[in-house]
Protein backbone atom coordinates (compact mmCIF):
# COMPACT_ATOMS: atom_id res chain seq x y z
CA MET A 1 28.34 -49.87 -105.50
CA ALA A 2 30.72 -47.35 -105.00
CA ALA A 3 31.25 -44.85 -107.60
CA SER A 4 34.89 -45.14 -108.02
CA CYS A 5 33.99 -49.02 -108.74
CA MET A 6 31.24 -48.06 -111.20
CA LEU A 7 33.27 -45.71 -113.10
CA ARG A 8 36.22 -48.54 -113.61
CA SER A 9 34.04 -51.08 -114.49
CA SER A 10 32.02 -48.88 -117.13
CA PHE A 11 35.32 -49.49 -119.20
CA LEU A 12 34.88 -53.42 -119.02
CA SER A 13 33.82 -55.66 -121.38
CA PRO A 14 30.84 -57.45 -120.83
CA ASN A 15 32.88 -60.57 -121.62
CA PRO A 16 36.52 -61.37 -120.42
CA HIS A 17 38.84 -62.72 -122.81
CA LEU A 18 42.06 -64.70 -122.35
CA HIS A 19 44.26 -61.15 -123.19
CA GLN A 20 44.25 -60.39 -119.50
CA GLN A 21 46.73 -57.46 -119.99
CA SER A 22 43.73 -55.79 -122.19
CA PRO A 23 40.50 -56.96 -120.49
CA ALA A 24 38.93 -53.67 -121.97
CA LYS A 25 38.69 -55.10 -125.58
CA SER A 26 35.41 -56.82 -126.80
CA ASN A 27 33.35 -57.50 -129.64
CA ARG A 28 30.52 -55.57 -128.57
CA ALA A 29 30.75 -52.16 -130.79
CA TYR A 30 30.67 -49.53 -128.11
CA PHE A 31 30.85 -46.04 -129.57
CA PHE A 32 31.96 -43.07 -127.31
CA THR A 33 30.89 -39.49 -128.85
CA PRO A 34 33.64 -36.54 -128.06
CA ILE A 35 33.07 -33.81 -126.25
CA LYS A 36 33.21 -30.72 -128.30
CA ALA A 37 32.16 -27.02 -127.58
CA THR A 38 29.07 -25.90 -128.26
CA SER A 39 27.52 -21.98 -128.30
CA SER A 40 24.64 -21.57 -126.00
CA SER A 41 22.08 -21.76 -128.50
CA ASP A 42 23.21 -25.41 -129.05
CA ASP A 43 22.44 -26.26 -125.37
CA ALA A 44 18.77 -27.23 -125.88
CA ASN A 45 19.91 -30.10 -128.35
CA SER A 46 22.93 -31.26 -126.72
CA LYS A 47 22.99 -33.95 -124.19
CA SER A 48 25.19 -33.47 -120.99
CA PRO A 49 28.89 -34.05 -121.56
CA GLN A 50 29.36 -37.93 -120.93
CA LEU A 51 30.20 -41.38 -122.68
CA GLN A 52 27.40 -42.16 -124.87
CA LYS A 53 26.74 -45.72 -125.82
CA HIS A 54 24.79 -45.93 -129.29
CA ARG A 55 21.19 -47.57 -128.93
CA ARG A 56 21.11 -50.94 -130.68
CA PRO A 57 19.25 -50.24 -134.19
CA ALA A 58 15.30 -49.97 -133.73
CA ASP A 59 14.22 -53.36 -135.46
CA GLU A 60 16.53 -55.40 -133.40
CA ASN A 61 15.56 -56.69 -129.90
CA ILE A 62 18.23 -57.55 -126.83
CA ARG A 63 18.66 -61.25 -127.72
CA GLU A 64 19.60 -60.47 -131.23
CA GLU A 65 21.85 -57.94 -130.22
CA ALA A 66 23.74 -60.51 -127.88
CA ARG A 67 24.23 -62.43 -131.22
CA ARG A 68 26.34 -59.71 -132.48
CA ASP A 69 28.38 -60.07 -129.20
CA ILE A 70 29.41 -63.57 -129.27
CA SER A 71 33.28 -63.49 -127.73
CA SER A 72 35.64 -66.52 -127.30
CA HIS A 73 36.88 -67.93 -123.94
CA ASN A 74 38.55 -71.21 -122.53
CA PHE A 75 35.99 -71.12 -119.50
CA SER A 76 34.34 -74.64 -119.27
CA ALA A 77 32.29 -76.77 -116.42
CA ARG A 78 31.28 -80.28 -116.11
CA TYR A 79 29.67 -82.22 -113.90
CA VAL A 80 31.68 -84.69 -111.36
CA PRO A 81 30.84 -86.72 -108.39
CA PHE A 82 30.03 -84.48 -105.45
CA ASN A 83 32.90 -84.21 -102.83
CA ALA A 84 34.92 -86.94 -104.89
CA ASP A 85 38.52 -87.77 -104.62
CA PRO A 86 40.83 -85.59 -106.33
CA ASN A 87 42.37 -88.32 -108.57
CA SER A 88 38.86 -89.34 -109.58
CA SER A 89 38.40 -89.51 -113.45
CA GLU A 90 34.83 -89.96 -113.18
CA TRP A 91 33.10 -86.99 -114.84
CA TYR A 92 30.50 -86.22 -117.52
CA PRO A 93 29.60 -83.16 -119.81
CA LEU A 94 26.91 -80.55 -118.87
CA ASP A 95 25.36 -81.91 -121.91
CA GLU A 96 24.42 -85.17 -120.67
CA ILE A 97 21.32 -85.99 -118.90
CA ILE A 98 22.40 -87.48 -115.98
CA TYR A 99 21.74 -87.35 -112.11
CA ARG A 100 23.59 -89.44 -110.15
CA SER A 101 27.25 -90.75 -110.57
CA ARG A 102 28.31 -93.93 -110.79
CA SER A 103 28.04 -94.90 -107.47
CA GLY A 104 24.53 -93.32 -107.06
CA GLY A 105 25.86 -90.01 -105.00
CA LEU A 106 25.08 -86.54 -105.84
CA LEU A 107 26.70 -84.49 -108.79
CA ASP A 108 28.28 -81.32 -108.72
CA VAL A 109 28.83 -78.78 -111.23
CA GLN A 110 32.86 -78.21 -111.46
CA HIS A 111 34.27 -75.08 -113.21
CA ASP A 112 37.60 -74.90 -114.72
CA MET A 113 39.14 -72.86 -111.90
CA ASP A 114 42.75 -72.21 -113.81
CA ALA A 115 40.90 -70.77 -116.55
CA LEU A 116 39.13 -68.48 -114.37
CA LYS A 117 42.07 -67.51 -112.28
CA LYS A 118 43.75 -65.96 -115.46
CA PHE A 119 41.79 -63.23 -114.28
CA ASP A 120 42.46 -61.76 -111.01
CA GLY A 121 39.73 -60.64 -107.92
CA GLN A 122 39.58 -57.15 -109.25
CA TYR A 123 38.77 -58.07 -112.56
CA TRP A 124 35.98 -60.22 -111.58
CA ARG A 125 34.59 -57.72 -109.30
CA SER A 126 34.38 -54.95 -111.81
CA LEU A 127 32.95 -56.93 -114.36
CA PHE A 128 30.20 -58.23 -112.33
CA ASP A 129 29.58 -54.43 -111.15
CA SER A 130 29.64 -53.10 -114.38
CA ARG A 131 26.74 -55.33 -115.17
CA VAL A 132 24.43 -54.36 -112.40
CA GLY A 133 20.83 -52.80 -113.57
CA LYS A 134 21.79 -52.85 -116.97
CA THR A 135 19.25 -54.60 -119.77
CA THR A 136 22.02 -55.58 -121.92
CA TRP A 137 21.17 -59.52 -123.05
CA PRO A 138 21.40 -61.70 -120.73
CA TYR A 139 23.47 -59.72 -118.14
CA GLY A 140 20.48 -57.83 -116.84
CA SER A 141 19.75 -60.82 -114.71
CA GLY A 142 21.50 -61.12 -111.25
CA VAL A 143 22.40 -64.96 -112.17
CA TRP A 144 23.48 -64.39 -115.82
CA SER A 145 25.49 -61.20 -114.77
CA LYS A 146 28.05 -63.96 -113.34
CA LYS A 147 27.46 -66.29 -116.84
CA GLU A 148 31.12 -67.31 -116.85
CA TRP A 149 30.61 -68.68 -113.35
CA VAL A 150 27.43 -70.19 -113.92
CA LEU A 151 26.85 -72.04 -117.43
CA PRO A 152 30.09 -70.61 -119.13
CA GLU A 153 29.41 -72.34 -122.42
CA ILE A 154 25.59 -71.92 -123.14
CA ASP A 155 25.01 -69.53 -125.89
CA SER A 156 23.02 -66.66 -125.02
CA ASP A 157 20.77 -67.39 -126.95
CA ASP A 158 19.27 -70.35 -125.32
CA ILE A 159 18.96 -68.62 -122.16
CA VAL A 160 15.42 -68.55 -120.56
CA SER A 161 15.63 -65.52 -118.10
CA ALA A 162 13.09 -63.20 -116.60
CA PHE A 163 16.19 -60.88 -115.07
CA GLU A 164 15.93 -62.57 -111.86
CA GLY A 165 18.21 -61.58 -108.89
CA ASN A 166 19.46 -58.53 -108.03
CA SER A 167 17.23 -58.58 -105.15
CA ASN A 168 16.80 -56.60 -102.06
CA LEU A 169 19.07 -56.71 -99.36
CA PHE A 170 17.53 -53.92 -96.93
CA TRP A 171 18.90 -52.90 -93.24
CA ALA A 172 16.03 -54.39 -90.76
CA GLU A 173 17.05 -51.38 -88.52
CA ARG A 174 14.14 -51.51 -86.06
CA TYR A 175 13.90 -55.43 -86.12
CA GLY A 176 17.24 -55.52 -85.09
CA LYS A 177 17.19 -52.71 -82.63
CA GLN A 178 14.22 -53.59 -80.90
CA PHE A 179 14.12 -57.33 -80.73
CA LEU A 180 17.68 -58.39 -81.00
CA GLY A 181 19.70 -55.38 -79.78
CA MET A 182 21.46 -55.40 -83.27
CA ASN A 183 22.76 -52.59 -85.26
CA ASP A 184 24.12 -54.53 -88.19
CA LEU A 185 21.25 -56.57 -89.40
CA TRP A 186 20.09 -57.27 -92.89
CA VAL A 187 17.84 -59.22 -94.98
CA LYS A 188 18.22 -60.57 -98.10
CA HIS A 189 14.81 -60.98 -99.89
CA CYS A 190 15.22 -63.49 -102.62
CA GLY A 191 11.45 -63.70 -102.83
CA ILE A 192 11.26 -60.43 -104.39
CA SER A 193 11.74 -62.38 -107.82
CA HIS A 194 9.72 -63.30 -111.10
CA THR A 195 7.62 -66.12 -109.16
CA GLY A 196 8.00 -64.83 -105.60
CA SER A 197 10.96 -67.30 -104.53
CA PHE A 198 14.64 -67.80 -104.88
CA LYS A 199 14.06 -70.79 -106.80
CA ASP A 200 13.64 -68.78 -109.99
CA LEU A 201 17.70 -68.13 -109.48
CA GLY A 202 18.03 -71.94 -109.87
CA MET A 203 15.30 -72.60 -112.80
CA THR A 204 16.34 -70.19 -115.00
CA VAL A 205 19.98 -72.02 -115.11
CA LEU A 206 18.20 -75.28 -115.58
CA VAL A 207 15.51 -74.74 -118.11
CA SER A 208 18.02 -72.64 -120.24
CA GLN A 209 20.09 -75.88 -120.26
CA VAL A 210 17.32 -77.93 -121.17
CA ASN A 211 16.36 -75.36 -124.00
CA ARG A 212 19.71 -76.07 -125.14
CA LEU A 213 19.42 -79.96 -125.05
CA ARG A 214 16.31 -79.78 -126.79
CA LYS A 215 17.97 -77.81 -129.57
CA MET A 216 20.49 -80.35 -129.82
CA HIS A 217 17.59 -82.74 -130.25
CA LYS A 218 18.24 -84.73 -126.94
CA PRO A 219 15.62 -86.53 -125.66
CA VAL A 220 13.49 -84.09 -123.54
CA VAL A 221 9.86 -83.87 -123.82
CA GLY A 222 9.29 -81.97 -120.60
CA VAL A 223 10.29 -80.97 -117.19
CA GLY A 224 9.07 -82.33 -114.25
CA CYS A 225 9.35 -81.82 -110.64
CA ALA A 226 7.96 -82.59 -107.17
CA SER A 227 7.28 -79.51 -105.29
CA THR A 228 6.05 -78.26 -101.89
CA GLY A 229 4.89 -74.82 -103.62
CA ASP A 230 8.14 -72.73 -105.18
CA THR A 231 9.84 -74.90 -107.18
CA SER A 232 6.70 -75.63 -109.22
CA ALA A 233 5.92 -71.92 -109.06
CA ALA A 234 9.32 -71.14 -110.92
CA LEU A 235 9.34 -74.36 -113.18
CA SER A 236 6.20 -73.59 -115.02
CA ALA A 237 7.19 -70.03 -115.31
CA TYR A 238 10.23 -70.15 -117.22
CA CYS A 239 8.98 -73.48 -119.24
CA ALA A 240 6.21 -71.38 -120.03
CA SER A 241 8.47 -68.82 -121.55
CA ALA A 242 10.44 -71.12 -123.65
CA GLY A 243 7.47 -73.18 -124.22
CA ILE A 244 8.76 -76.62 -122.89
CA PRO A 245 5.94 -78.60 -121.37
CA SER A 246 6.23 -78.68 -117.40
CA ILE A 247 4.68 -81.64 -115.17
CA VAL A 248 4.41 -81.07 -111.40
CA PHE A 249 3.99 -83.43 -108.74
CA LEU A 250 2.26 -81.64 -105.57
CA PRO A 251 1.42 -83.14 -102.38
CA ALA A 252 -2.55 -82.79 -102.01
CA ASN A 253 -3.57 -80.19 -99.54
CA LYS A 254 -0.16 -79.22 -98.47
CA ILE A 255 0.42 -76.07 -100.04
CA SER A 256 -1.17 -72.54 -99.77
CA MET A 257 -3.63 -71.63 -102.72
CA ALA A 258 -1.33 -68.97 -103.51
CA GLN A 259 1.59 -71.66 -104.79
CA LEU A 260 -0.80 -74.06 -106.43
CA VAL A 261 -2.32 -71.21 -108.48
CA GLN A 262 0.99 -70.32 -109.93
CA PRO A 263 1.61 -73.46 -112.13
CA ILE A 264 -1.96 -74.07 -113.20
CA ALA A 265 -1.74 -70.38 -114.74
CA ASN A 266 1.32 -70.96 -116.08
CA GLY A 267 0.19 -73.82 -117.96
CA ALA A 268 1.87 -76.64 -116.13
CA PHE A 269 0.08 -80.19 -115.77
CA VAL A 270 -0.42 -80.97 -112.26
CA LEU A 271 -0.84 -83.96 -110.34
CA SER A 272 -2.39 -83.49 -106.78
CA ILE A 273 -0.85 -86.69 -105.23
CA ASP A 274 -1.98 -88.03 -101.78
CA THR A 275 1.24 -88.10 -100.13
CA ASP A 276 3.84 -86.04 -98.50
CA PHE A 277 6.86 -84.08 -100.76
CA ASP A 278 9.09 -87.08 -99.63
CA GLY A 279 6.40 -89.41 -101.46
CA CYS A 280 5.95 -87.25 -104.56
CA MET A 281 10.12 -86.79 -104.74
CA GLN A 282 10.16 -90.73 -105.02
CA LEU A 283 7.63 -90.59 -107.71
CA ILE A 284 9.24 -88.18 -109.99
CA ARG A 285 12.45 -89.85 -109.79
CA GLU A 286 11.01 -93.32 -111.01
CA VAL A 287 8.91 -91.50 -113.72
CA THR A 288 11.83 -89.30 -114.86
CA ALA A 289 13.82 -92.93 -115.24
CA GLU A 290 11.44 -93.86 -117.48
CA LEU A 291 9.82 -91.21 -119.47
CA PRO A 292 11.96 -88.32 -121.38
CA ILE A 293 10.98 -86.06 -118.70
CA TYR A 294 14.09 -83.96 -117.48
CA LEU A 295 14.19 -83.91 -113.68
CA ALA A 296 14.14 -80.39 -112.02
CA ASN A 297 14.60 -80.97 -108.52
CA SER A 298 17.78 -80.19 -106.41
CA LEU A 299 18.98 -83.54 -106.88
CA ASN A 300 20.03 -81.71 -110.15
CA SER A 301 22.91 -79.76 -109.51
CA LEU A 302 22.48 -77.28 -112.35
CA ARG A 303 19.86 -75.53 -110.09
CA LEU A 304 22.64 -74.64 -107.42
CA GLU A 305 24.61 -73.12 -109.93
CA GLY A 306 22.13 -70.30 -110.13
CA GLN A 307 21.17 -70.16 -106.63
CA LYS A 308 24.99 -69.53 -105.47
CA THR A 309 24.53 -66.24 -107.10
CA ALA A 310 22.87 -64.54 -104.12
CA ALA A 311 25.64 -65.12 -101.99
CA ILE A 312 28.05 -63.48 -104.57
CA GLU A 313 25.10 -60.72 -104.82
CA ILE A 314 25.53 -60.37 -100.98
CA LEU A 315 28.99 -59.54 -101.47
CA GLN A 316 28.65 -57.31 -104.09
CA GLN A 317 25.86 -55.35 -102.10
CA PHE A 318 28.30 -55.21 -99.63
CA GLU A 319 30.97 -53.54 -101.85
CA TRP A 320 32.88 -56.67 -101.20
CA GLU A 321 33.00 -56.84 -97.80
CA VAL A 322 32.17 -60.46 -96.18
CA PRO A 323 29.45 -60.50 -93.37
CA ASP A 324 30.09 -62.29 -90.38
CA TRP A 325 27.10 -64.73 -90.47
CA VAL A 326 24.24 -65.68 -93.13
CA ILE A 327 21.30 -67.55 -92.02
CA VAL A 328 19.22 -69.58 -94.23
CA PRO A 329 16.58 -71.54 -93.97
CA GLY A 330 16.52 -75.28 -94.86
CA GLY A 331 14.29 -78.02 -96.51
CA ASN A 332 16.04 -80.28 -99.05
CA LEU A 333 19.02 -78.41 -98.25
CA GLY A 334 20.46 -77.44 -101.66
CA ASN A 335 20.49 -73.69 -100.83
CA ILE A 336 22.61 -73.88 -97.86
CA TYR A 337 25.21 -75.64 -100.20
CA ALA A 338 24.54 -73.11 -102.95
CA PHE A 339 25.20 -70.33 -100.47
CA TYR A 340 28.43 -71.53 -99.41
CA LYS A 341 29.82 -72.64 -103.09
CA GLY A 342 29.02 -68.73 -104.14
CA PHE A 343 31.19 -67.71 -100.88
CA HIS A 344 34.01 -70.18 -101.34
CA MET A 345 34.00 -69.39 -105.19
CA CYS A 346 34.41 -65.58 -104.53
CA LYS A 347 37.50 -66.65 -101.66
CA GLU A 348 39.09 -68.92 -104.05
CA LEU A 349 39.29 -66.33 -106.95
CA GLY A 350 40.60 -63.82 -105.08
CA LEU A 351 37.27 -61.37 -104.89
CA VAL A 352 37.30 -61.33 -101.29
CA ASP A 353 39.64 -63.22 -98.38
CA ARG A 354 37.19 -65.05 -96.16
CA ILE A 355 34.12 -66.67 -96.24
CA PRO A 356 31.07 -65.69 -93.47
CA ARG A 357 29.72 -68.72 -90.97
CA LEU A 358 26.74 -70.31 -92.19
CA VAL A 359 23.96 -71.14 -90.25
CA CYS A 360 21.12 -73.68 -91.55
CA ALA A 361 17.72 -73.14 -90.10
CA GLN A 362 14.67 -75.78 -89.96
CA ALA A 363 11.26 -75.81 -88.47
CA ALA A 364 11.23 -78.46 -85.49
CA ASN A 365 8.37 -80.28 -87.20
CA ALA A 366 10.95 -81.07 -90.04
CA ASN A 367 14.18 -81.12 -88.76
CA PRO A 368 16.64 -84.18 -89.77
CA LEU A 369 19.79 -81.91 -90.00
CA TYR A 370 19.27 -80.44 -86.77
CA VAL A 371 19.21 -83.89 -85.23
CA HIS A 372 21.77 -84.76 -87.09
CA TYR A 373 24.00 -81.72 -86.16
CA LYS A 374 23.13 -82.41 -82.27
CA SER A 375 24.33 -86.03 -82.71
CA GLY A 376 27.87 -84.66 -84.04
CA TRP A 377 26.92 -85.73 -87.34
CA LYS A 378 26.73 -89.31 -86.39
CA ASP A 379 24.60 -91.66 -88.83
CA PHE A 380 22.47 -89.51 -90.34
CA LYS A 381 18.44 -90.59 -90.20
CA PRO A 382 15.58 -89.20 -92.26
CA VAL A 383 12.32 -88.22 -90.16
CA LYS A 384 8.76 -88.32 -90.67
CA ALA A 385 8.17 -84.69 -91.70
CA ASN A 386 5.34 -83.29 -89.54
CA THR A 387 3.15 -80.78 -91.08
CA THR A 388 4.57 -76.94 -90.56
CA PHE A 389 3.64 -73.17 -91.60
CA ALA A 390 6.85 -73.08 -93.61
CA SER A 391 5.65 -75.48 -95.73
CA ALA A 392 8.38 -75.37 -98.42
CA ILE A 393 10.70 -76.95 -95.96
CA GLN A 394 8.74 -79.69 -95.03
CA ILE A 395 11.21 -82.36 -95.75
CA GLY A 396 12.07 -85.22 -93.61
CA ASP A 397 14.30 -86.68 -96.22
CA PRO A 398 16.65 -84.13 -97.73
CA VAL A 399 18.29 -84.92 -100.99
CA SER A 400 21.04 -82.66 -100.52
CA ILE A 401 22.25 -83.52 -97.10
CA ASP A 402 25.71 -84.52 -97.83
CA ARG A 403 26.14 -81.27 -99.25
CA ALA A 404 24.51 -79.32 -96.15
CA VAL A 405 26.88 -81.05 -94.10
CA PHE A 406 29.72 -80.37 -96.00
CA ALA A 407 28.93 -76.39 -96.21
CA LEU A 408 28.34 -76.15 -92.64
CA LYS A 409 31.46 -78.13 -91.62
CA LYS A 410 33.65 -76.02 -94.13
CA SER A 411 31.95 -72.87 -92.73
CA ASN A 412 32.07 -73.51 -89.21
CA GLY A 413 28.28 -73.42 -89.53
CA ILE A 414 25.47 -74.06 -86.95
CA VAL A 415 22.22 -75.60 -87.67
CA GLU A 416 19.43 -74.12 -85.47
CA GLU A 417 15.47 -75.02 -85.12
CA ALA A 418 12.10 -73.31 -84.35
CA THR A 419 8.59 -74.32 -83.13
CA GLU A 420 5.97 -73.57 -84.67
CA GLU A 421 4.65 -70.77 -82.37
CA GLU A 422 8.54 -69.43 -82.39
CA LEU A 423 8.56 -68.87 -86.51
CA MET A 424 4.90 -67.50 -86.44
CA ASP A 425 5.79 -65.21 -83.40
CA ALA A 426 9.01 -64.12 -85.45
CA MET A 427 7.01 -63.35 -88.53
CA ALA A 428 4.54 -61.26 -86.64
CA GLN A 429 7.00 -59.54 -84.89
CA ALA A 430 9.13 -59.13 -88.49
CA ASP A 431 5.83 -57.56 -90.02
CA SER A 432 5.45 -55.24 -87.48
CA THR A 433 8.42 -53.45 -87.81
CA GLY A 434 7.57 -53.31 -91.96
CA MET A 435 8.42 -56.34 -93.10
CA PHE A 436 5.82 -58.87 -94.77
CA ILE A 437 7.99 -62.05 -94.77
CA CYS A 438 7.31 -65.73 -94.98
CA PRO A 439 6.91 -68.74 -92.48
CA HIS A 440 10.19 -69.91 -93.68
CA THR A 441 11.87 -66.18 -93.05
CA GLY A 442 10.14 -66.60 -89.22
CA VAL A 443 12.12 -70.01 -88.74
CA ALA A 444 15.74 -68.01 -89.72
CA LEU A 445 14.57 -65.13 -87.32
CA THR A 446 14.09 -67.59 -84.75
CA ALA A 447 17.40 -69.47 -85.29
CA LEU A 448 19.17 -65.84 -85.14
CA SER A 449 16.95 -64.60 -81.89
CA LYS A 450 18.44 -68.06 -80.15
CA LEU A 451 22.12 -67.60 -81.25
CA ARG A 452 21.93 -64.01 -80.13
CA LYS A 453 20.40 -65.07 -76.70
CA ALA A 454 22.87 -67.55 -76.50
CA GLY A 455 25.90 -64.91 -77.06
CA VAL A 456 26.92 -67.12 -80.04
CA ILE A 457 26.01 -63.59 -82.51
CA ALA A 458 27.07 -60.47 -81.15
CA PRO A 459 25.31 -57.41 -81.61
CA THR A 460 27.93 -55.66 -83.94
CA ASP A 461 28.18 -58.74 -85.94
CA ARG A 462 27.09 -57.83 -89.60
CA THR A 463 24.63 -60.71 -90.01
CA VAL A 464 22.61 -61.40 -92.96
CA VAL A 465 19.08 -63.51 -93.30
CA VAL A 466 17.95 -64.83 -96.44
CA SER A 467 14.43 -64.57 -96.88
CA THR A 468 13.45 -67.30 -99.27
CA ALA A 469 9.99 -66.30 -100.24
CA HIS A 470 7.54 -63.29 -100.69
CA GLY A 471 5.05 -63.18 -97.63
CA LEU A 472 2.09 -62.83 -100.18
CA LYS A 473 2.37 -66.43 -100.99
CA PHE A 474 1.71 -67.18 -97.46
CA THR A 475 -1.39 -64.51 -96.59
CA GLN A 476 -3.69 -67.31 -95.13
CA SER A 477 -1.12 -68.03 -92.45
CA LYS A 478 -1.01 -64.57 -91.54
CA VAL A 479 -4.59 -64.16 -91.45
CA ASP A 480 -5.46 -67.46 -89.07
CA TYR A 481 -2.53 -65.80 -86.86
CA HIS A 482 -4.02 -62.63 -86.56
CA SER A 483 -7.39 -64.02 -86.07
CA LYS A 484 -6.12 -66.01 -83.32
CA GLU A 485 -7.06 -69.05 -85.01
CA ILE A 486 -4.42 -71.47 -84.80
CA LYS A 487 -5.14 -74.29 -82.41
CA ASN A 488 -3.01 -74.48 -79.38
CA MET A 489 -1.02 -71.27 -80.64
CA GLU A 490 -1.24 -68.21 -78.30
CA CYS A 491 -0.63 -65.89 -81.30
CA ARG A 492 1.02 -63.29 -79.04
CA PHE A 493 1.44 -60.66 -81.60
CA ALA A 494 -1.89 -61.00 -83.18
CA ASN A 495 -3.62 -57.78 -84.39
CA PRO A 496 -6.90 -58.33 -85.15
CA PRO A 497 -9.33 -55.50 -86.48
CA VAL A 498 -11.72 -53.60 -84.14
CA GLN A 499 -15.50 -53.96 -84.45
CA VAL A 500 -16.47 -50.33 -83.79
CA LYS A 501 -20.33 -49.12 -84.32
CA ALA A 502 -20.87 -46.60 -87.08
CA ASP A 503 -21.14 -43.34 -84.87
CA PHE A 504 -18.94 -40.79 -84.05
CA GLY A 505 -18.72 -41.03 -80.56
CA SER A 506 -17.88 -45.08 -80.42
CA VAL A 507 -15.21 -44.13 -82.89
CA MET A 508 -13.58 -41.54 -80.99
CA ASP A 509 -13.80 -43.53 -77.74
CA VAL A 510 -11.65 -46.30 -79.43
CA LEU A 511 -9.14 -44.08 -81.04
CA LYS A 512 -8.62 -42.06 -77.65
CA LYS A 513 -8.33 -45.46 -75.78
CA TYR A 514 -5.70 -46.69 -78.51
CA LEU A 515 -3.77 -43.42 -78.74
CA LEU A 516 -3.19 -43.27 -74.97
CA SER A 517 -1.92 -46.84 -75.09
CA LYS A 518 0.71 -45.34 -77.89
CA ASN A 519 1.61 -42.31 -75.77
CA SER A 520 0.56 -41.66 -71.98
CA LYS A 521 0.74 -38.11 -72.30
CA PHE A 522 -2.16 -37.76 -74.72
């Protein structure tokens, strides 16, 4: 963040109030120590002359501290039918357990934009910047630092958070230069998170709302999801933190061991079902209609409220400058809409003056959105998803298809696909430049490569690739690639270990040959 921005924002309240004329006022007790002259003998015991905030009492934790910081506002949000007619009168409070509109369509979380617009873009930029990297509950989270835009009415005491978000946005200098001829390529590594994927961003919101509902004695015994791995990891971790039972439907033998062990370790009730993700999704929807189990899949629009904060974070990390392109892997397709929603909200509330073009990247083995895009958006048809190394997006009948199409149309977006060989090669190339990415990021990098070759994305375009999960969750696929054990795949960039005899001469011969390959002058 710019230093000037951070200095301005240090005087801002953690919570905006209605009296816009003086946004610096707050119920939080801030005490500033006046600077006074001291003798040289006092120097060792005096702190540097700076504004100081007194620490909370030693017997008080950060959640208890937040209870003293309750401040009033008139921000609110509610469920409405997705993309409904502006004159529609159908809406539902967020405390109602509902997943579909009366017509059976998707729901969306609608914020009171008039109330939010009482504060200008500069106010929101400074407020959000002031919370970055802090430990004040719950604003240390990259999601809850935007609480007014996420779940404005939830009590901070009900929030379940691991201070997720605030993930790394790094300059992929060597990869961009060597493989794409680009000088402004960035990777938003959402996999650097509590459970190793971007799903934490949405799950903190959903489980926090469930925590609130249970305290209100709503009929919620547990929370359930169908998952290809990452959703179940996030759900089980956040439910475990709150002491809420979690139930997970997993497709048998279709996710990595690293993904499977996470919900097991966090105490979830795991059902391994002999079907694919779409089959698991159908079953969990039927079960949650009959039992007091809250549905946690992205059919539930609450998760998208958390996921949209990654888009806001990207703008924040670029000091509120808008990138030209953002490329997002897509499976169930809620995330591409979440990114659009985050960018659009920033534009509507005056934080930025435009939004980036969005690209949704799909695996060719599970590409219903790509097929739909290529048809000119005519008559969407689900596909039978085939096995892909990008297992989290191995979905043939995405729940959020309508949301994705809306986001792409509104952002002048594009859909691309990646074959298994393309995505694995892209992953290996990225790893060779110091990254350690997941196969889904390989899908996004393949899409970028194709758009660069086609001249759609220029070499100087500021481009962000969203990395959705940590590579450590997919080590087996990397082992198989570098061992050249993947059937019908050349594995062009494999880097297997070299077997050498345990004697000095053999080791020297191998090393000389290697160094010569790297530098002919050796």
